[in-house]
PDB file of N, CA and C in Angstrom:
ATOM      1  N   UNK A   1       0.847  -1.168   0.000  1.00  0.00           N
ATOM      2  CA  UNK A   1       0.000   0.000   0.000  1.00  0.00           C
ATOM      3  C   UNK A   1       0.898   1.238   0.000  1.00  0.00           C
ATOM      4  N   UNK A   2       0.578   2.178  -0.865  1.00  0.00           N
ATOM      5  CA  UNK A   2       1.362   3.400  -0.956  1.00  0.00           C
ATOM      6  C   UNK A   2       0.568   4.650  -0.617  1.00  0.00           C
ATOM      7  N   UNK A   3      -0.756   4.546  -0.706  1.00  0.00           N
ATOM      8  CA  UNK A   3      -1.630   5.695  -0.459  1.00  0.00           C
ATOM      9  C   UNK A   3      -2.844   5.251   0.358  1.00  0.00           C
ATOM     10  N   UNK A   4      -3.298   6.148   1.236  1.00  0.00           N
ATOM     11  CA  UNK A   4      -4.506   5.889   2.025  1.00  0.00           C
ATOM     12  C   UNK A   4      -5.427   7.096   1.920  1.00  0.00           C
ATOM     13  N   UNK A   5      -6.691   6.817   1.642  1.00  0.00           N
ATOM     14  CA  UNK A   5      -7.733   7.839   1.664  1.00  0.00           C
ATOM     15  C   UNK A   5      -8.687   7.476   2.792  1.00  0.00           C
ATOM     16  N   UNK A   6      -8.753   8.327   3.795  1.00  0.00           N
ATOM     17  CA  UNK A   6      -9.631   8.131   4.939  1.00  0.00           C
ATOM     18  C   UNK A   6     -10.737   9.181   4.856  1.00  0.00           C
ATOM     19  N   UNK A   7     -11.931   8.750   4.534  1.00  0.00           N
ATOM     20  CA  UNK A   7     -13.046   9.700   4.394  1.00  0.00           C
ATOM     21  C   UNK A   7     -13.822   9.870   5.694  1.00  0.00           C
ATOM     22  N   UNK A   8     -13.354   9.233   6.752  1.00  0.00           N
ATOM     23  CA  UNK A   8     -14.020   9.329   8.051  1.00  0.00           C
ATOM     24  C   UNK A   8     -13.001   9.677   9.137  1.00  0.00           C
ATOM     25  N   UNK A   9     -12.081  10.586   8.827  1.00  0.00           N
ATOM     26  CA  UNK A   9     -11.037  10.945   9.785  1.00  0.00           C
ATOM     27  C   UNK A   9     -11.640  11.641  11.002  1.00  0.00           C
ATOM     28  N   UNK A  10     -11.179  11.268  12.165  1.00  0.00           N
ATOM     29  CA  UNK A  10     -11.620  11.930  13.380  1.00  0.00           C
ATOM     30  C   UNK A  10     -11.553  11.023  14.587  1.00  0.00           C
ATOM     31  N   UNK A  11     -11.938  11.563  15.725  1.00  0.00           N
ATOM     32  CA  UNK A  11     -11.870  10.829  16.989  1.00  0.00           C
ATOM     33  C   UNK A  11     -13.250  10.467  17.530  1.00  0.00           C
ATOM     34  N   UNK A  12     -14.299  10.892  16.883  1.00  0.00           N
ATOM     35  CA  UNK A  12     -15.646  10.616  17.398  1.00  0.00           C
ATOM     36  C   UNK A  12     -16.112   9.215  16.982  1.00  0.00           C
ATOM     37  N   UNK A  13     -17.176   8.748  17.580  1.00  0.00           N
ATOM     38  CA  UNK A  13     -17.744   7.444  17.256  1.00  0.00           C
ATOM     39  C   UNK A  13     -18.104   7.415  15.771  1.00  0.00           C
ATOM     40  N   UNK A  14     -17.736   6.336  15.100  1.00  0.00           N
ATOM     41  CA  UNK A  14     -17.997   6.210  13.671  1.00  0.00           C
ATOM     42  C   UNK A  14     -16.886   6.766  12.801  1.00  0.00           C
ATOM     43  N   UNK A  15     -15.827   7.268  13.424  1.00  0.00           N
ATOM     44  CA  UNK A  15     -14.692   7.823  12.690  1.00  0.00           C
ATOM     45  C   UNK A  15     -13.502   6.878  12.780  1.00  0.00           C
ATOM     46  N   UNK A  16     -12.503   7.153  11.943  1.00  0.00           N
ATOM     47  CA  UNK A  16     -11.271   6.370  11.939  1.00  0.00           C
ATOM     48  C   UNK A  16     -10.159   7.297  12.428  1.00  0.00           C
ATOM     49  N   UNK A  17      -9.614   7.002  13.585  1.00  0.00           N
ATOM     50  CA  UNK A  17      -8.661   7.885  14.253  1.00  0.00           C
ATOM     51  C   UNK A  17      -7.228   7.641  13.767  1.00  0.00           C
ATOM     52  N   UNK A  18      -6.946   8.041  12.541  1.00  0.00           N
ATOM     53  CA  UNK A  18      -5.584   8.035  12.016  1.00  0.00           C
ATOM     54  C   UNK A  18      -5.342   9.366  11.326  1.00  0.00           C
ATOM     55  N   UNK A  19      -4.073   9.642  11.028  1.00  0.00           N
ATOM     56  CA  UNK A  19      -3.735  10.870  10.314  1.00  0.00           C
ATOM     57  C   UNK A  19      -2.415  10.658   9.574  1.00  0.00           C
ATOM     58  N   UNK A  20      -1.938  11.686   8.927  1.00  0.00           N
ATOM     59  CA  UNK A  20      -0.717  11.582   8.119  1.00  0.00           C
ATOM     60  C   UNK A  20       0.485  11.151   8.955  1.00  0.00           C
ATOM     61  N   UNK A  21       0.557  11.580  10.205  1.00  0.00           N
ATOM     62  CA  UNK A  21       1.692  11.216  11.060  1.00  0.00           C
ATOM     63  C   UNK A  21       1.764   9.709  11.315  1.00  0.00           C
ATOM     64  N   UNK A  22       0.633   9.063  11.354  1.00  0.00           N
ATOM     65  CA  UNK A  22       0.589   7.621  11.577  1.00  0.00           C
ATOM     66  C   UNK A  22       1.257   6.860  10.422  1.00  0.00           C
ATOM     67  N   UNK A  23       1.027   7.309   9.187  1.00  0.00           N
ATOM     68  CA  UNK A  23       1.518   6.615   7.999  1.00  0.00           C
ATOM     69  C   UNK A  23       2.897   7.085   7.531  1.00  0.00           C
ATOM     70  N   UNK A  24       3.325   8.253   7.969  1.00  0.00           N
ATOM     71  CA  UNK A  24       4.579   8.848   7.491  1.00  0.00           C
ATOM     72  C   UNK A  24       5.790   7.926   7.653  1.00  0.00           C
ATOM     73  N   UNK A  25       5.991   7.253   8.804  1.00  0.00           N
ATOM     74  CA  UNK A  25       7.173   6.388   8.941  1.00  0.00           C
ATOM     75  C   UNK A  25       7.230   5.252   7.920  1.00  0.00           C
ATOM     76  N   UNK A  26       6.095   4.920   7.339  1.00  0.00           N
ATOM     77  CA  UNK A  26       6.024   3.831   6.364  1.00  0.00           C
ATOM     78  C   UNK A  26       6.121   4.323   4.923  1.00  0.00           C
ATOM     79  N   UNK A  27       6.275   5.642   4.741  1.00  0.00           N
ATOM     80  CA  UNK A  27       6.357   6.220   3.405  1.00  0.00           C
ATOM     81  C   UNK A  27       5.034   6.202   2.658  1.00  0.00           C
ATOM     82  N   UNK A  28       3.937   6.172   3.391  1.00  0.00           N
ATOM     83  CA  UNK A  28       2.603   6.108   2.785  1.00  0.00           C
ATOM     84  C   UNK A  28       2.008   7.508   2.739  1.00  0.00           C
ATOM     85  N   UNK A  29       1.534   7.897   1.570  1.00  0.00           N
ATOM     86  CA  UNK A  29       0.878   9.193   1.423  1.00  0.00           C
ATOM     87  C   UNK A  29      -0.557   9.071   1.922  1.00  0.00           C
ATOM     88  N   UNK A  30      -0.971  10.031   2.741  1.00  0.00           N
ATOM     89  CA  UNK A  30      -2.270   9.976   3.406  1.00  0.00           C
ATOM     90  C   UNK A  30      -3.100  11.205   3.058  1.00  0.00           C
ATOM     91  N   UNK A  31      -4.370  10.978   2.821  1.00  0.00           N
ATOM     92  CA  UNK A  31      -5.332  12.070   2.637  1.00  0.00           C
ATOM     93  C   UNK A  31      -6.504  11.779   3.546  1.00  0.00           C
ATOM     94  N   UNK A  32      -6.811  12.681   4.463  1.00  0.00           N
ATOM     95  CA  UNK A  32      -7.924  12.499   5.386  1.00  0.00           C
ATOM     96  C   UNK A  32      -8.994  13.549   5.175  1.00  0.00           C
ATOM     97  N   UNK A  33     -10.227  13.100   5.157  1.00  0.00           N
ATOM     98  CA  UNK A  33     -11.383  13.985   5.067  1.00  0.00           C
ATOM     99  C   UNK A  33     -12.291  13.694   6.253  1.00  0.00           C
ATOM    100  N   UNK A  34     -12.705  14.729   6.947  1.00  0.00           N
ATOM    101  CA  UNK A  34     -13.557  14.551   8.121  1.00  0.00           C
ATOM    102  C   UNK A  34     -15.016  14.675   7.695  1.00  0.00           C
ATOM    103  N   UNK A  35     -15.512  13.609   7.063  1.00  0.00           N
ATOM    104  CA  UNK A  35     -16.879  13.604   6.550  1.00  0.00           C
ATOM    105  C   UNK A  35     -17.787  12.765   7.436  1.00  0.00           C
ATOM    106  N   UNK A  36     -19.031  13.198   7.543  1.00  0.00           N
ATOM    107  CA  UNK A  36     -20.041  12.421   8.250  1.00  0.00           C
ATOM    108  C   UNK A  36     -20.830  11.618   7.233  1.00  0.00           C
ATOM    109  N   UNK A  37     -21.208  10.410   7.595  1.00  0.00           N
ATOM    110  CA  UNK A  37     -21.973   9.543   6.708  1.00  0.00           C
ATOM    111  C   UNK A  37     -23.465   9.846   6.860  1.00  0.00           C
ATOM    112  N   UNK A  38     -23.835  11.018   6.336  1.00  0.00           N
ATOM    113  CA  UNK A  38     -25.230  11.457   6.354  1.00  0.00           C
ATOM    114  C   UNK A  38     -25.583  12.005   4.976  1.00  0.00           C
ATOM    115  N   UNK A  39     -26.845  11.999   4.660  1.00  0.00           N
ATOM    116  CA  UNK A  39     -27.306  12.425   3.331  1.00  0.00           C
ATOM    117  C   UNK A  39     -26.919  13.871   3.012  1.00  0.00           C
ATOM    118  N   UNK A  40     -26.774  14.713   3.996  1.00  0.00           N
ATOM    119  CA  UNK A  40     -26.474  16.135   3.776  1.00  0.00           C
ATOM    120  C   UNK A  40     -25.015  16.394   3.413  1.00  0.00           C
ATOM    121  N   UNK A  41     -24.148  15.420   3.588  1.00  0.00           N
ATOM    122  CA  UNK A  41     -22.731  15.612   3.275  1.00  0.00           C
ATOM    123  C   UNK A  41     -22.529  15.628   1.769  1.00  0.00           C
ATOM    124  N   UNK A  42     -21.954  16.715   1.280  1.00  0.00           N
ATOM    125  CA  UNK A  42     -21.714  16.886  -0.156  1.00  0.00           C
ATOM    126  C   UNK A  42     -20.318  16.369  -0.502  1.00  0.00           C
ATOM    127  N   UNK A  43     -20.235  15.078  -0.817  1.00  0.00           N
ATOM    128  CA  UNK A  43     -18.927  14.492  -1.124  1.00  0.00           C
ATOM    129  C   UNK A  43     -18.404  14.922  -2.492  1.00  0.00           C
ATOM    130  N   UNK A  44     -19.282  15.386  -3.349  1.00  0.00           N
ATOM    131  CA  UNK A  44     -18.885  15.755  -4.710  1.00  0.00           C
ATOM    132  C   UNK A  44     -17.827  16.850  -4.727  1.00  0.00           C
ATOM    133  N   UNK A  45     -17.808  17.709  -3.733  1.00  0.00           N
ATOM    134  CA  UNK A  45     -16.813  18.791  -3.725  1.00  0.00           C
ATOM    135  C   UNK A  45     -15.401  18.260  -3.537  1.00  0.00           C
ATOM    136  N   UNK A  46     -15.251  17.031  -3.080  1.00  0.00           N
ATOM    137  CA  UNK A  46     -13.939  16.424  -2.857  1.00  0.00           C
ATOM    138  C   UNK A  46     -13.467  15.566  -4.027  1.00  0.00           C
ATOM    139  N   UNK A  47     -14.317  15.327  -5.008  1.00  0.00           N
ATOM    140  CA  UNK A  47     -13.963  14.455  -6.129  1.00  0.00           C
ATOM    141  C   UNK A  47     -12.667  14.856  -6.825  1.00  0.00           C
ATOM    142  N   UNK A  48     -12.443  16.138  -7.159  1.00  0.00           N
ATOM    143  CA  UNK A  48     -11.203  16.491  -7.867  1.00  0.00           C
ATOM    144  C   UNK A  48      -9.930  16.147  -7.079  1.00  0.00           C
ATOM    145  N   UNK A  49      -9.893  16.482  -5.788  1.00  0.00           N
ATOM    146  CA  UNK A  49      -8.674  16.202  -5.026  1.00  0.00           C
ATOM    147  C   UNK A  49      -8.491  14.706  -4.755  1.00  0.00           C
ATOM    148  N   UNK A  50      -9.572  13.971  -4.610  1.00  0.00           N
ATOM    149  CA  UNK A  50      -9.473  12.525  -4.414  1.00  0.00           C
ATOM    150  C   UNK A  50      -9.026  11.850  -5.711  1.00  0.00           C
ATOM    151  N   UNK A  51      -9.571  12.293  -6.841  1.00  0.00           N
ATOM    152  CA  UNK A  51      -9.156  11.744  -8.137  1.00  0.00           C
ATOM    153  C   UNK A  51      -7.672  12.007  -8.378  1.00  0.00           C
ATOM    154  N   UNK A  52      -7.195  13.168  -7.965  1.00  0.00           N
ATOM    155  CA  UNK A  52      -5.775  13.504  -8.105  1.00  0.00           C
ATOM    156  C   UNK A  52      -4.910  12.552  -7.275  1.00  0.00           C
ATOM    157  N   UNK A  53      -5.332  12.249  -6.057  1.00  0.00           N
ATOM    158  CA  UNK A  53      -4.600  11.315  -5.208  1.00  0.00           C
ATOM    159  C   UNK A  53      -4.551   9.923  -5.841  1.00  0.00           C
ATOM    160  N   UNK A  54      -5.672   9.465  -6.351  1.00  0.00           N
ATOM    161  CA  UNK A  54      -5.735   8.143  -6.984  1.00  0.00           C
ATOM    162  C   UNK A  54      -4.870   8.105  -8.237  1.00  0.00           C
ATOM    163  N   UNK A  55      -4.942   9.150  -9.067  1.00  0.00           N
ATOM    164  CA  UNK A  55      -4.110   9.222 -10.272  1.00  0.00           C
ATOM    165  C   UNK A  55      -2.624   9.190  -9.916  1.00  0.00           C
ATOM    166  N   UNK A  56      -2.250   9.936  -8.879  1.00  0.00           N
ATOM    167  CA  UNK A  56      -0.851   9.962  -8.441  1.00  0.00           C
ATOM    168  C   UNK A  56      -0.393   8.568  -8.023  1.00  0.00           C
ATOM    169  N   UNK A  57      -1.235   7.875  -7.292  1.00  0.00           N
ATOM    170  CA  UNK A  57      -0.891   6.520  -6.837  1.00  0.00           C
ATOM    171  C   UNK A  57      -0.727   5.575  -8.018  1.00  0.00           C
ATOM    172  N   UNK A  58      -1.641   5.628  -8.947  1.00  0.00           N
ATOM    173  CA  UNK A  58      -1.592   4.722 -10.091  1.00  0.00           C
ATOM    174  C   UNK A  58      -0.423   5.026 -11.017  1.00  0.00           C
ATOM    175  N   UNK A  59      -0.146   6.312 -11.241  1.00  0.00           N
ATOM    176  CA  UNK A  59       0.973   6.698 -12.104  1.00  0.00           C
ATOM    177  C   UNK A  59       2.308   6.290 -11.497  1.00  0.00           C
ATOM    178  N   UNK A  60       2.371   6.258 -10.181  1.00  0.00           N
ATOM    179  CA  UNK A  60       3.607   5.891  -9.501  1.00  0.00           C
ATOM    180  C   UNK A  60       3.743   4.383  -9.307  1.00  0.00           C
ATOM    181  N   UNK A  61       2.789   3.631  -9.831  1.00  0.00           N
ATOM    182  CA  UNK A  61       2.853   2.189  -9.696  1.00  0.00           C
ATOM    183  C   UNK A  61       2.370   1.670  -8.350  1.00  0.00           C
ATOM    184  N   UNK A  62       1.805   2.580  -7.560  1.00  0.00           N
ATOM    185  CA  UNK A  62       1.343   2.193  -6.238  1.00  0.00           C
ATOM    186  C   UNK A  62      -0.125   1.824  -6.240  1.00  0.00           C
ATOM    187  N   UNK A  63      -0.646   1.729  -5.065  1.00  0.00           N
ATOM    188  CA  UNK A  63      -2.046   1.400  -4.889  1.00  0.00           C
ATOM    189  C   UNK A  63      -2.667   2.401  -3.928  1.00  0.00           C
ATOM    190  N   UNK A  64      -3.965   2.463  -3.936  1.00  0.00           N
ATOM    191  CA  UNK A  64      -4.696   3.356  -3.059  1.00  0.00           C
ATOM    192  C   UNK A  64      -5.642   2.549  -2.212  1.00  0.00           C
ATOM    193  N   UNK A  65      -5.732   2.880  -0.952  1.00  0.00           N
ATOM    194  CA  UNK A  65      -6.656   2.203  -0.052  1.00  0.00           C
ATOM    195  C   UNK A  65      -7.589   3.242   0.527  1.00  0.00           C
ATOM    196  N   UNK A  66      -8.832   2.875   0.732  1.00  0.00           N
ATOM    197  CA  UNK A  66      -9.769   3.807   1.354  1.00  0.00           C
ATOM    198  C   UNK A  66     -10.405   3.145   2.559  1.00  0.00           C
ATOM    199  N   UNK A  67     -10.735   3.967   3.528  1.00  0.00           N
ATOM    200  CA  UNK A  67     -11.428   3.448   4.711  1.00  0.00           C
ATOM    201  C   UNK A  67     -12.531   4.397   5.094  1.00  0.00           C
TER     202      UNK A  67
END
């Protein structure tokens, strides 16, 4: 794994409590978004930056993981 996309970053219930510092020693590029899993969350505004992360991973021969 070379890249991680965490769309539920945070410390509250239902979140995934990791950040870039957690993955840095392993050379893994991290992108965290603090989104709530509710109908009102507009995930579309994040599509360009997430697509850029995925493209970067694929062009570099790596893989992308999401949680």
